[in-house]
């Protein structure tokens, strides 16, 4: 009985905290679709197998649907006036690895969206910046893009051990949609 009480208290507190965490910045281009209908822009092949892949047929349409900073929309971020301002002010100087745990989530987002890194890893940290900024719907969109485009992405830890991005993206999507039921 006591454990159920603590679980309930934890749930109530986490819901309260999530409702308090408003977005720390607004994105200029969030895309035209809240939930991207990938079937409209390409084809999934070999679903349910290790050879499953997604081939984009309407690159322009998918870029418009997904929004800036999320694959395959890699270049529109450079036209974002806030990105340009951050770049000119030197707020994006340094290694992209220095932009993981800072409190400036907007700078983290811009740095990772433009980083030279393996695409799946780059997209994960872009999504993480969005999540930390309170842009949960857009973060879910970015985490899902990992599963569509880079399901077998591998990064490496500080100790040079493999880190599989796809399973973590799934966990992030499940977590964010569980604590934010309004995401649908």
Protein backbone atom coordinates (compact mmCIF):
# COMPACT_ATOMS: atom_id res chain seq x y z
CA UNK A 1 0.00 0.00 0.00
CA UNK A 2 2.81 2.38 0.90
CA UNK A 3 4.55 1.83 -2.43
CA UNK A 4 1.38 2.65 -4.38
CA UNK A 5 1.08 5.88 -2.40
CA UNK A 6 4.64 6.92 -3.29
CA UNK A 7 4.12 6.03 -6.95
CA UNK A 8 0.98 8.15 -7.01
CA UNK A 9 2.78 11.08 -5.33
CA UNK A 10 5.65 10.78 -7.83
CA UNK A 11 3.15 10.77 -10.71
CA UNK A 12 1.33 13.87 -9.41
CA UNK A 13 4.59 15.76 -8.88
CA UNK A 14 5.93 14.82 -12.32
CA UNK A 15 2.68 15.94 -13.98
CA UNK A 16 2.86 19.23 -12.05
CA UNK A 17 6.46 19.82 -13.11
CA UNK A 18 5.67 19.01 -16.75
CA UNK A 19 2.81 21.49 -16.78
CA UNK A 20 5.09 24.17 -15.33
CA UNK A 21 7.79 23.65 -17.93
CA UNK A 22 6.67 25.95 -20.70
CA UNK A 23 8.78 26.17 -23.82
CA UNK A 24 11.88 28.28 -23.33
CA UNK A 25 11.89 29.49 -26.96
CA UNK A 26 9.80 29.37 -30.12
CA UNK A 27 10.94 27.80 -33.36
CA UNK A 28 10.65 29.82 -36.53
CA UNK A 29 9.79 26.73 -38.62
CA UNK A 30 8.01 23.91 -36.77
CA UNK A 31 6.83 22.26 -39.97
CA UNK A 32 3.32 21.94 -41.34
CA UNK A 33 2.45 18.60 -39.69
CA UNK A 34 2.36 17.95 -35.95
CA UNK A 35 2.68 14.23 -36.64
CA UNK A 36 4.45 13.63 -39.94
CA UNK A 37 2.68 11.16 -42.23
CA UNK A 38 5.82 9.66 -43.74
CA UNK A 39 3.84 7.47 -46.15
CA UNK A 40 2.83 10.65 -48.04
CA UNK A 41 6.47 11.52 -48.76
CA UNK A 42 8.13 8.18 -49.31
CA UNK A 43 8.01 4.42 -49.09
CA UNK A 44 8.83 1.99 -46.28
CA UNK A 45 10.37 -1.23 -47.55
CA UNK A 46 10.85 -4.59 -45.82
CA UNK A 47 8.80 -3.61 -42.76
CA UNK A 48 9.31 -5.98 -39.85
CA UNK A 49 12.76 -7.12 -40.96
CA UNK A 50 16.32 -6.05 -40.25
CA UNK A 51 16.43 -4.67 -43.80
CA UNK A 52 13.60 -2.19 -43.20
CA UNK A 53 14.31 1.19 -44.77
CA UNK A 54 12.55 4.38 -45.75
CA UNK A 55 13.09 5.96 -49.17
CA UNK A 56 12.08 9.60 -49.61
CA UNK A 57 10.07 10.26 -52.79
CA UNK A 58 8.95 13.87 -52.07
CA UNK A 59 11.99 15.50 -50.47
CA UNK A 60 10.55 19.04 -50.59
CA UNK A 61 7.21 17.96 -49.12
CA UNK A 62 8.88 16.09 -46.25
CA UNK A 63 11.15 19.07 -45.47
CA UNK A 64 8.09 21.32 -45.28
CA UNK A 65 6.19 18.87 -43.08
CA UNK A 66 9.04 18.20 -40.65
CA UNK A 67 10.35 21.74 -40.05
CA UNK A 68 13.85 23.18 -39.74
CA UNK A 69 16.61 21.34 -37.90
CA UNK A 70 15.14 17.85 -38.26
CA UNK A 71 16.34 15.48 -40.97
CA UNK A 72 15.96 15.79 -43.93
CA UNK A 73 15.52 19.54 -43.42
CA UNK A 74 19.15 20.30 -42.68
CA UNK A 75 19.63 23.57 -44.53
CA UNK A 76 16.62 25.74 -43.65
CA UNK A 77 18.10 26.31 -40.21
CA UNK A 78 20.79 28.50 -41.80
CA UNK A 79 18.08 30.95 -42.95
CA UNK A 80 16.60 31.25 -39.45
CA UNK A 81 17.17 34.87 -38.28
CA UNK A 82 17.74 33.79 -34.69
CA UNK A 83 20.33 31.24 -35.79
CA UNK A 84 22.09 34.00 -37.74
CA UNK A 85 22.00 36.27 -34.70
CA UNK A 86 23.42 33.56 -32.42
CA UNK A 87 26.14 32.82 -34.96
CA UNK A 88 27.09 36.50 -35.33
CA UNK A 89 27.16 37.01 -31.55
CA UNK A 90 29.50 34.03 -31.12
CA UNK A 91 26.98 32.06 -29.03
CA UNK A 92 27.64 28.94 -31.10
CA UNK A 93 31.43 28.89 -30.80
CA UNK A 94 33.08 25.70 -29.60
CA UNK A 95 32.60 21.98 -29.95
CA UNK A 96 29.05 20.70 -30.30
CA UNK A 97 29.79 18.42 -27.32
CA UNK A 98 29.95 21.55 -25.17
CA UNK A 99 26.29 22.15 -26.08
CA UNK A 100 24.73 19.11 -24.43
CA UNK A 101 24.19 20.17 -20.82
CA UNK A 102 24.08 23.95 -20.97
CA UNK A 103 21.05 25.93 -19.83
CA UNK A 104 20.79 27.73 -23.18
CA UNK A 105 18.57 25.18 -24.90
CA UNK A 106 18.09 27.36 -27.95
CA UNK A 107 21.85 27.57 -28.54
CA UNK A 108 22.07 23.81 -27.95
CA UNK A 109 19.38 23.25 -30.59
CA UNK A 110 21.09 25.45 -33.20
CA UNK A 111 24.53 23.99 -32.51
CA UNK A 112 23.36 20.39 -32.80
CA UNK A 113 21.11 21.04 -35.79
CA UNK A 114 24.19 22.31 -37.65
CA UNK A 115 26.86 20.02 -36.14
CA UNK A 116 29.18 17.79 -38.13
CA UNK A 117 28.34 14.50 -36.50
CA UNK A 118 26.88 11.13 -37.49
CA UNK A 119 23.29 11.92 -38.58
CA UNK A 120 21.52 9.72 -36.02
CA UNK A 121 23.59 11.06 -33.13
CA UNK A 122 23.21 14.63 -34.36
CA UNK A 123 19.44 14.22 -34.57
CA UNK A 124 19.29 12.68 -31.09
CA UNK A 125 21.03 15.65 -29.46
CA UNK A 126 18.94 18.07 -31.50
CA UNK A 127 15.84 16.30 -30.13
CA UNK A 128 17.29 16.34 -26.62
CA UNK A 129 17.77 20.13 -26.81
CA UNK A 130 14.13 20.49 -27.90
CA UNK A 131 12.99 18.24 -25.07
CA UNK A 132 14.95 20.20 -22.47
CA UNK A 133 13.50 23.42 -23.90
CA UNK A 134 9.97 22.16 -23.30
CA UNK A 135 9.18 21.80 -27.01
CA UNK A 136 7.89 18.28 -26.45
CA UNK A 137 5.85 17.79 -29.62
CA UNK A 138 8.77 18.90 -31.78
CA UNK A 139 11.17 16.72 -29.74
CA UNK A 140 8.94 13.68 -30.35
CA UNK A 141 8.94 14.55 -34.05
CA UNK A 142 12.77 14.59 -34.01
CA UNK A 143 13.09 11.35 -32.02
CA UNK A 144 10.67 9.66 -34.43
CA UNK A 145 12.72 10.88 -37.40
CA UNK A 146 15.65 8.91 -35.96
CA UNK A 147 13.57 5.74 -36.10
CA UNK A 148 12.47 6.39 -39.67
CA UNK A 149 15.79 7.47 -41.18
CA UNK A 150 18.52 6.08 -38.87
CA UNK A 151 17.09 3.11 -36.95
CA UNK A 152 20.50 1.43 -36.68
CA UNK A 153 22.47 4.56 -35.75
CA UNK A 154 25.38 3.96 -33.41
CA UNK A 155 27.25 6.52 -31.36
CA UNK A 156 30.17 5.92 -29.05
CA UNK A 157 30.49 6.82 -25.40
CA UNK A 158 33.43 8.52 -23.76
CA UNK A 159 34.83 5.03 -23.13
CA UNK A 160 34.44 4.15 -26.82
CA UNK A 161 31.66 1.65 -26.17
CA UNK A 162 28.73 1.52 -28.63
CA UNK A 163 25.54 3.38 -27.85
CA UNK A 164 22.51 2.49 -29.94
CA UNK A 165 20.45 5.59 -30.65
CA UNK A 166 17.21 3.96 -31.89
CA UNK A 167 16.22 2.19 -28.65
CA UNK A 168 16.88 5.36 -26.65
CA UNK A 169 14.74 7.37 -29.10
CA UNK A 170 11.89 4.90 -28.54
CA UNK A 171 12.22 5.29 -24.77
CA UNK A 172 12.22 9.09 -25.11
CA UNK A 173 9.05 9.04 -27.23
CA UNK A 174 7.30 6.74 -24.76
CA UNK A 175 8.37 8.89 -21.82
CA UNK A 176 7.39 12.22 -23.39
CA UNK A 177 4.00 10.99 -24.54
CA UNK A 178 3.32 9.41 -21.15
CA UNK A 179 4.09 12.54 -19.13
CA UNK A 180 2.43 14.82 -21.70
CA UNK A 181 -0.90 13.20 -22.56
CA UNK A 182 -1.88 16.33 -24.51
CA UNK A 183 0.58 15.24 -27.23
CA UNK A 184 -1.94 12.60 -28.27
